[in-house]
Amino acid sequence: MVLIGAGSLTFTPSLLRGLISSGMAQEGALTIALVDIDPNMLDMMYEVGTRLLEGFKKMRKAEELKIEKYVERRGALEGADFVIITIGVGGVKATHIDIEVPRRYSIEQTVGDTVGPGGIMRALRHIPALLDIARDMEDLCPNAYMFNYSDPLTPSLELFKGRPR
């Protein structure tokens, strides 16, 4: 299982906790590959994951689970069965711009991650990255399932309509 965008303080700890306590982790060997372009955040989330895993192993759970980390996603994707994407292209700064620019033109939106001008801008940033990931998956793990856990979900879904998985 590959988690792309693993440096997320918001999503990664709860995803790791859920994966480590899942039936897949309890029933057999499972590897969770953490991928992030920010090595500092990647190291932090890797530490969170290994500490969670140590706690489960003390309870004799998820004993065969392994956690790995990668700055480059292609090494993690090879042979993967599942890919969970939690990327945030442009980071917090870009999200603030998505809200502030429309506000200058009297368009108020509390969050601009899926709709309105902010959602369009977010889609324009994320869709190329999602397509790059999908292409790598076609090459390295063509039977894997992709779960996009990051917005803009609706515009992203339109990309993959009619495509298998």
Protein backbone atom coordinates (compact mmCIF):
# COMPACT_ATOMS: atom_id res chain seq x y z
CA MET A 1 0.00 0.00 0.00
CA VAL A 2 1.40 3.38 -1.00
CA LEU A 3 0.49 6.68 0.65
CA ILE A 4 1.48 9.60 -1.61
CA GLY A 5 1.53 12.93 0.19
CA ALA A 6 2.42 11.22 3.45
CA GLY A 7 3.80 14.43 4.97
CA SER A 8 0.28 15.57 5.84
CA LEU A 9 -0.16 16.32 9.52
CA THR A 10 -3.91 16.22 8.94
CA PHE A 11 -4.39 12.92 7.12
CA THR A 12 -1.38 10.69 7.70
CA PRO A 13 -1.55 9.91 11.45
CA SER A 14 -5.21 8.82 11.29
CA LEU A 15 -4.64 6.87 8.05
CA LEU A 16 -1.66 5.08 9.58
CA ARG A 17 -3.61 4.24 12.72
CA GLY A 18 -6.46 2.87 10.62
CA LEU A 19 -4.19 0.86 8.34
CA ILE A 20 -2.14 -0.59 11.19
CA SER A 21 -5.29 -1.69 13.01
CA SER A 22 -6.97 -3.01 9.84
CA GLY A 23 -7.74 -6.61 9.09
CA MET A 24 -5.15 -6.56 6.30
CA ALA A 25 -2.42 -5.72 8.79
CA GLN A 26 -3.64 -8.30 11.31
CA GLU A 27 -4.11 -11.14 8.84
CA GLY A 28 -0.76 -11.13 7.07
CA ALA A 29 2.17 -9.27 5.67
CA LEU A 30 1.48 -5.67 4.70
CA THR A 31 3.89 -2.95 3.69
CA ILE A 32 2.93 0.71 3.91
CA ALA A 33 5.15 2.89 1.73
CA LEU A 34 5.11 6.56 2.72
CA VAL A 35 5.93 8.99 -0.09
CA ASP A 36 6.46 12.74 0.20
CA ILE A 37 8.60 15.31 -1.59
CA ASP A 38 9.40 17.04 1.71
CA PRO A 39 12.01 14.84 3.41
CA ASN A 40 11.55 16.53 6.80
CA MET A 41 7.80 15.93 6.88
CA LEU A 42 8.34 12.43 5.52
CA ASP A 43 10.77 11.65 8.35
CA MET A 44 8.30 13.00 10.91
CA MET A 45 5.41 10.88 9.59
CA TYR A 46 7.68 7.84 9.31
CA GLU A 47 8.51 8.30 12.99
CA VAL A 48 4.80 8.58 13.83
CA GLY A 49 4.12 5.37 11.88
CA THR A 50 6.94 3.39 13.44
CA ARG A 51 5.89 4.43 16.95
CA LEU A 52 2.29 3.44 16.26
CA LEU A 53 3.47 0.15 14.86
CA GLU A 54 5.69 -0.53 17.89
CA GLY A 55 2.65 -0.09 20.15
CA PHE A 56 0.62 -2.56 18.09
CA LYS A 57 3.46 -5.07 18.01
CA LYS A 58 3.69 -4.96 21.82
CA MET A 59 0.07 -6.13 21.79
CA ARG A 60 1.08 -8.86 19.32
CA LYS A 61 -0.85 -7.20 16.49
CA ALA A 62 0.32 -6.29 12.98
CA GLU A 63 3.51 -8.23 13.65
CA GLU A 64 4.42 -8.59 9.97
CA LEU A 65 3.60 -5.03 8.94
CA LYS A 66 6.45 -2.89 7.60
CA ILE A 67 6.66 0.83 7.00
CA GLU A 68 8.98 2.27 4.37
CA LYS A 69 9.63 5.82 3.21
CA TYR A 70 10.39 7.29 -0.21
CA VAL A 71 11.01 10.76 -1.56
CA GLU A 72 10.55 9.45 -5.13
CA ARG A 73 7.21 7.70 -5.69
CA ARG A 74 8.25 5.33 -8.50
CA GLY A 75 10.25 3.12 -6.14
CA ALA A 76 7.25 2.81 -3.84
CA LEU A 77 4.70 2.16 -6.60
CA GLU A 78 6.29 -0.92 -8.12
CA GLY A 79 3.91 -3.81 -7.54
CA ALA A 80 1.56 -1.85 -5.26
CA ASP A 81 -2.01 -3.02 -4.76
CA PHE A 82 -3.44 0.23 -3.37
CA VAL A 83 -2.39 3.87 -3.73
CA ILE A 84 -3.85 6.52 -1.45
CA ILE A 85 -3.22 10.12 -2.52
CA THR A 86 -3.29 13.00 -0.02
CA ILE A 87 -1.25 15.58 -1.92
CA GLY A 88 -1.56 19.33 -1.54
CA VAL A 89 0.04 20.91 -4.59
CA GLY A 90 1.24 24.40 -3.67
CA GLY A 91 0.75 23.81 0.04
CA VAL A 92 -1.03 26.11 2.47
CA LYS A 93 0.20 29.23 0.67
CA ALA A 94 -1.64 28.27 -2.53
CA THR A 95 -4.81 27.49 -0.58
CA HIS A 96 -4.75 30.96 0.97
CA ILE A 97 -4.34 32.51 -2.48
CA ASP A 98 -7.35 30.46 -3.68
CA ILE A 99 -9.45 32.24 -1.06
CA GLU A 100 -7.86 35.69 -1.11
CA VAL A 101 -7.93 36.34 -4.88
CA PRO A 102 -11.70 35.78 -5.27
CA ARG A 103 -12.24 37.88 -2.11
CA ARG A 104 -10.60 40.85 -3.87
CA TYR A 105 -13.44 40.64 -6.40
CA SER A 106 -16.17 40.31 -3.72
CA ILE A 107 -16.50 36.55 -4.11
CA GLU A 108 -16.56 35.04 -0.64
CA GLN A 109 -15.86 31.37 -0.24
CA THR A 110 -14.93 29.89 3.09
CA VAL A 111 -13.00 27.03 1.56
CA GLY A 112 -11.91 26.88 -2.06
CA ASP A 113 -10.96 23.26 -2.42
CA THR A 114 -13.69 21.88 -4.68
CA VAL A 115 -15.96 24.61 -6.07
CA GLY A 116 -15.88 28.21 -7.24
CA PRO A 117 -12.81 30.12 -8.38
CA GLY A 118 -10.62 28.58 -5.66
CA GLY A 119 -11.70 25.08 -6.60
CA ILE A 120 -10.91 25.74 -10.25
CA MET A 121 -7.43 26.97 -9.36
CA ARG A 122 -6.86 24.00 -7.08
CA ALA A 123 -7.98 21.66 -9.87
CA LEU A 124 -5.55 23.30 -12.29
CA ARG A 125 -2.73 22.60 -9.82
CA HIS A 126 -3.76 19.08 -8.83
CA ILE A 127 -4.96 17.47 -12.05
CA PRO A 128 -1.53 17.41 -13.74
CA ALA A 129 -0.01 15.85 -10.61
CA LEU A 130 -2.79 13.26 -10.40
CA LEU A 131 -2.31 12.39 -14.08
CA ASP A 132 1.44 11.95 -13.50
CA ILE A 133 0.73 9.58 -10.62
CA ALA A 134 -1.81 7.67 -12.73
CA ARG A 135 0.74 7.29 -15.54
CA ASP A 136 3.32 5.94 -13.10
CA MET A 137 0.69 3.53 -11.78
CA GLU A 138 -0.12 2.31 -15.30
CA ASP A 139 3.58 1.58 -15.75
CA LEU A 140 4.46 0.15 -12.31
CA CYS A 141 1.27 -1.20 -10.74
CA PRO A 142 -1.42 -1.38 -13.45
CA ASN A 143 -3.83 -3.43 -11.32
CA ALA A 144 -3.63 -1.19 -8.26
CA TYR A 145 -6.59 0.77 -6.94
CA MET A 146 -6.18 4.54 -6.62
CA PHE A 147 -7.92 6.36 -3.78
CA ASN A 148 -7.77 10.12 -4.14
CA TYR A 149 -8.13 11.49 -0.62
CA SER A 150 -7.25 15.05 -1.61
CA ASP A 151 -9.40 17.70 -3.21
CA PRO A 152 -10.51 18.69 -5.77
CA LEU A 153 -12.34 15.41 -5.80
CA THR A 154 -15.12 16.21 -8.28
CA PRO A 155 -12.95 17.67 -11.08
CA SER A 156 -10.46 14.84 -10.55
CA LEU A 157 -13.15 12.19 -10.94
CA GLU A 158 -14.02 13.58 -14.36
CA LEU A 159 -10.48 12.69 -15.51
CA PHE A 160 -10.92 9.02 -14.83
CA LYS A 161 -14.49 8.49 -16.04
CA GLY A 162 -14.75 5.40 -18.17
CA ARG A 163 -11.24 4.23 -17.29
CA PRO A 164 -10.78 0.96 -15.47
CA ARG A 165 -10.24 1.34 -11.71
